[in-house]
Every structure is written in structure tokens, then in C-alpha cells.
Protein backbone atom coordinates (compact mmCIF):
# COMPACT_ATOMS: atom_id res chain seq x y z
CA MET A 1 62.31 157.68 51.58
CA ASN A 2 64.03 160.40 49.11
CA SER A 3 62.46 161.27 45.97
CA ASN A 4 64.79 159.07 43.53
CA ASN A 5 64.26 156.21 45.33
CA LEU A 6 60.69 156.66 45.35
CA ILE A 7 60.16 157.49 41.45
CA ASN A 8 62.71 153.72 41.36
CA ALA A 9 60.53 152.14 43.57
CA ASN A 10 57.39 152.31 41.53
CA ASN A 11 58.81 152.11 37.98
CA GLN A 12 60.68 148.40 39.93
CA ILE A 13 56.26 147.20 41.31
CA LYS A 14 54.71 148.74 37.63
CA THR A 15 56.25 146.47 36.17
CA LEU A 16 53.38 143.91 37.72
CA VAL A 17 50.66 146.14 36.37
CA GLY A 18 49.16 143.88 33.29
CA LEU A 19 50.62 140.98 34.51
CA ARG A 20 47.72 138.16 35.08
CA GLY A 21 47.55 135.02 36.85
CA LEU A 22 49.52 134.15 39.84
CA VAL A 23 51.34 131.72 42.23
CA ILE A 24 51.79 131.96 45.93
CA SER A 25 54.64 129.64 47.58
CA ARG A 26 56.44 129.68 50.79
CA GLN A 27 59.23 129.04 51.60
CA ALA A 28 59.60 129.44 56.35
CA ASP A 29 58.20 132.43 56.33
CA LEU A 30 59.53 133.95 52.73
CA VAL A 31 56.50 134.25 50.74
CA GLU A 32 56.78 134.51 46.60
CA ILE A 33 53.70 135.72 44.45
CA SER A 34 54.84 135.09 40.75
CA PHE A 35 52.71 137.54 38.48
CA GLY A 36 52.60 135.78 34.85
CA SER A 37 53.85 132.97 33.57
CA SER A 38 56.92 131.48 34.29
CA GLU A 39 58.39 132.99 30.64
CA SER A 40 57.54 136.33 30.63
CA GLY A 41 55.77 137.44 34.52
CA HIS A 42 57.82 138.82 37.74
CA THR A 43 58.20 137.71 41.17
CA LEU A 44 57.39 139.66 44.18
CA ARG A 45 59.16 138.54 47.38
CA LEU A 46 57.95 139.43 50.97
CA ARG A 47 59.85 139.30 53.94
CA CYS A 48 57.38 141.80 55.41
CA GLY A 49 54.18 142.17 56.77
CA PHE A 50 51.80 141.77 54.05
CA ARG A 51 47.92 140.68 53.89
CA ILE A 52 45.93 140.24 50.67
CA ARG A 53 42.52 141.41 51.13
CA ASP A 54 39.11 143.05 49.44
CA ASN A 55 36.73 145.33 50.02
CA HIS A 56 35.66 143.25 53.06
CA ALA A 57 37.61 140.92 54.47
CA ILE A 58 40.79 140.01 54.73
CA PHE A 59 41.83 136.62 53.37
CA VAL A 60 45.20 135.40 54.67
CA ALA A 61 48.76 137.40 56.20
CA ASN A 62 51.63 137.28 57.78
CA THR A 63 51.27 136.09 61.31
CA ASP A 64 48.86 133.10 59.14
CA ILE A 65 51.60 131.23 58.52
CA TYR A 66 52.21 130.72 62.73
CA ASN A 67 48.45 129.64 63.06
CA PRO A 68 47.82 125.74 63.15
CA SER A 69 45.86 125.07 60.01
CA SER A 70 42.20 122.91 61.58
CA SER A 71 43.18 119.82 59.52
CA VAL A 72 45.83 120.03 62.15
CA LEU A 73 44.35 121.84 65.11
CA GLN A 74 40.95 119.51 64.58
CA LYS A 75 44.57 116.72 64.66
CA SER A 76 43.40 114.67 68.46
CA THR A 77 47.22 114.32 69.17
CA PHE A 78 47.32 117.98 68.09
CA ASN A 79 49.58 120.34 71.15
CA TYR A 80 50.78 123.82 70.99
CA ASP A 81 53.76 123.16 73.16
CA SER A 82 54.89 120.07 70.42
CA TYR A 83 53.25 122.63 66.99
CA PHE A 84 56.15 123.72 64.16
CA TRP A 85 54.78 125.99 61.82
CA ASP A 86 57.23 125.21 58.86
CA ILE A 87 55.49 121.76 57.89
CA GLN A 88 54.06 122.50 54.17
CA GLY A 89 50.25 122.59 54.77
CA GLY A 90 50.28 122.78 58.27
CA ASN A 91 49.46 126.91 58.60
CA CYS A 92 46.55 128.83 57.95
CA PHE A 93 47.80 130.38 55.65
CA ASP A 94 48.99 126.90 53.84
CA GLU A 95 45.43 126.31 54.16
CA TRP A 96 44.40 129.47 52.30
CA VAL A 97 45.96 128.99 49.58
CA GLN A 98 45.93 124.99 48.86
CA ASN A 99 41.75 126.26 49.70
CA GLN A 100 41.94 128.22 45.85
CA SER A 101 41.45 126.49 42.95
CA PRO A 102 43.62 127.47 40.47
CA ALA A 103 40.76 129.03 38.00
CA PHE A 104 40.08 132.10 40.73
CA PHE A 105 44.70 132.28 40.57
CA GLU A 106 44.80 131.92 37.39
CA THR A 107 41.73 135.46 36.34
CA LEU A 108 43.09 137.46 38.52
CA GLU A 109 45.32 140.39 36.87
CA VAL A 110 47.17 143.19 38.86
CA VAL A 111 45.42 147.21 37.10
CA ASP A 112 47.26 149.09 39.23
CA ALA A 113 50.76 148.97 41.77
CA LYS A 114 51.83 151.45 43.82
CA VAL A 115 54.85 152.33 46.90
CA ASN A 116 54.67 154.88 49.22
CA SER A 117 57.40 156.70 51.45
CA ILE A 118 58.14 154.87 53.31
CA GLY A 119 57.96 152.06 51.34
CA ASP A 120 55.01 150.35 52.28
CA ILE A 121 53.34 148.68 48.48
CA SER A 122 49.87 148.07 47.69
CA ILE A 123 48.95 146.33 44.63
CA HIS A 124 45.34 146.33 43.36
CA LEU A 125 44.16 143.43 41.57
CA SER A 126 40.76 142.23 39.67
CA GLN A 127 37.76 141.45 41.69
CA ASN A 128 38.67 143.80 44.28
CA ILE A 129 41.48 141.84 46.01
CA VAL A 130 44.42 143.84 47.31
CA ILE A 131 47.32 142.50 48.87
CA GLU A 132 49.14 145.22 50.51
CA ALA A 133 52.89 144.61 52.38
CA PHE A 134 54.34 146.83 55.07
CA ILE A 135 58.22 147.71 55.77
CA ASP A 136 58.36 146.34 59.34
CA THR A 137 61.79 147.02 60.00
CA VAL A 138 64.60 149.95 59.67
CA ASP A 139 66.85 147.80 58.55
CA ASP A 140 66.96 144.64 56.85
CA GLU A 141 65.55 143.62 52.98
CA CYS A 142 61.92 143.88 53.69
CA TRP A 143 60.85 142.81 49.50
CA ARG A 144 61.81 142.42 46.47
CA VAL A 145 60.56 141.94 42.71
CA TYR A 146 62.55 140.76 39.97
CA LYS A 147 61.89 139.49 36.46
CA THR A 148 61.13 135.49 37.20
CA LYS A 149 62.35 133.91 34.04
CA GLY A 150 66.66 133.93 33.94
CA ASP A 151 68.94 135.47 36.44
CA ASN A 152 68.27 139.44 36.05
CA PRO A 153 68.47 142.21 38.72
CA HIS A 154 66.85 142.42 41.78
CA PHE A 155 65.08 145.67 43.31
CA ILE A 156 64.49 145.26 46.78
CA MET A 157 63.73 147.92 49.13
CA ASP A 158 65.14 147.39 52.48
CA GLY A 159 63.43 149.16 55.88
CA ASN A 160 64.85 152.09 55.55
CA GLY A 161 64.01 153.42 52.46
CA SER A 162 66.55 152.61 50.57
CA GLY A 163 65.04 150.52 46.99
CA TYR A 164 68.07 149.53 45.34
CA ILE A 165 69.61 147.26 42.57
CA LEU A 166 71.00 143.70 43.46
CA GLU A 167 72.91 142.53 39.75
């Protein structure tokens, strides 16, 4: 990534710093993390490898979207051949999100956010929690960040390090 793209990407991702509270949602394998309020917050949309962790463990990662939840596995009729990961609540990712108390997500605040020279993101939250996203393709969109409310421009990072604004 050239230096202008890196500066622009960091300026865009730093709009998250200081925002408190987050909401995590999923449609198929597209994950959205909204930071701050619905009125003045920003959303990070992930179409790449990612994980949410603290200093000691990974809590959840993108591949958990494809693994059956514990409740699905406990069903006597469960069969991997007929398992469909996209049913809301039926995978490990959804299960982790649902098992977190709303108070947990509400208290988290973005304390730092950075983009490295290839476009990977590192978002440091309070309570030593980190959201990391990894460029995992050479061409397609990997992530985007935008102001949640309204019809605002989106900053998009693709796999070749070309960050650009989509009006």
C-alpha cells in the first residue's frame, strides 16, 4: 500500500476511537460491528478473516461462522452432511454473540485503531479486548468503515491495498 493510502486508511479507521458500545451482527458470512450510538456511530463491515480476542484467548473468529453451535450439535438429529451454517443462531459465531450480556458490549470503548501497511486492522477496546481483521485476498473488498446513520461515503479496503471512498 502506498503511503497516501495508508494515511487515508488510518484516518478513516481512527474515526472509531472514543466510540463506546458496540453491536455485532451477521448476514451470511458478512459481519458488521457497529460502534457508538445509532445516531452518531460508525460501522465496520468485514468480508475477510478476523478475530476478537483478549490477551489470553481468542473469543470468536470468522471461521466460527461455519461451525455448528453447541445447541445444534446436541440435537439427536444433527448430521454434518445436512448442516447449514447460515441459519441465524445455528453456528458458533452467533452463539458467542448471543451469549454475551448486553452490558458487556455497552461498556466497551475503542481506545485505539490502526491499519498496517497491507491493510490489516487492529482495534483496541477497553478491557484489553482487540478486534483484528486480516487482508485475505488479492483483489476483492476486505473491509469497509462508514458513518452508521444516513447515506454517507464508505471507505473500502480491498486486497491489493487500494483504499478508496465509495460515494
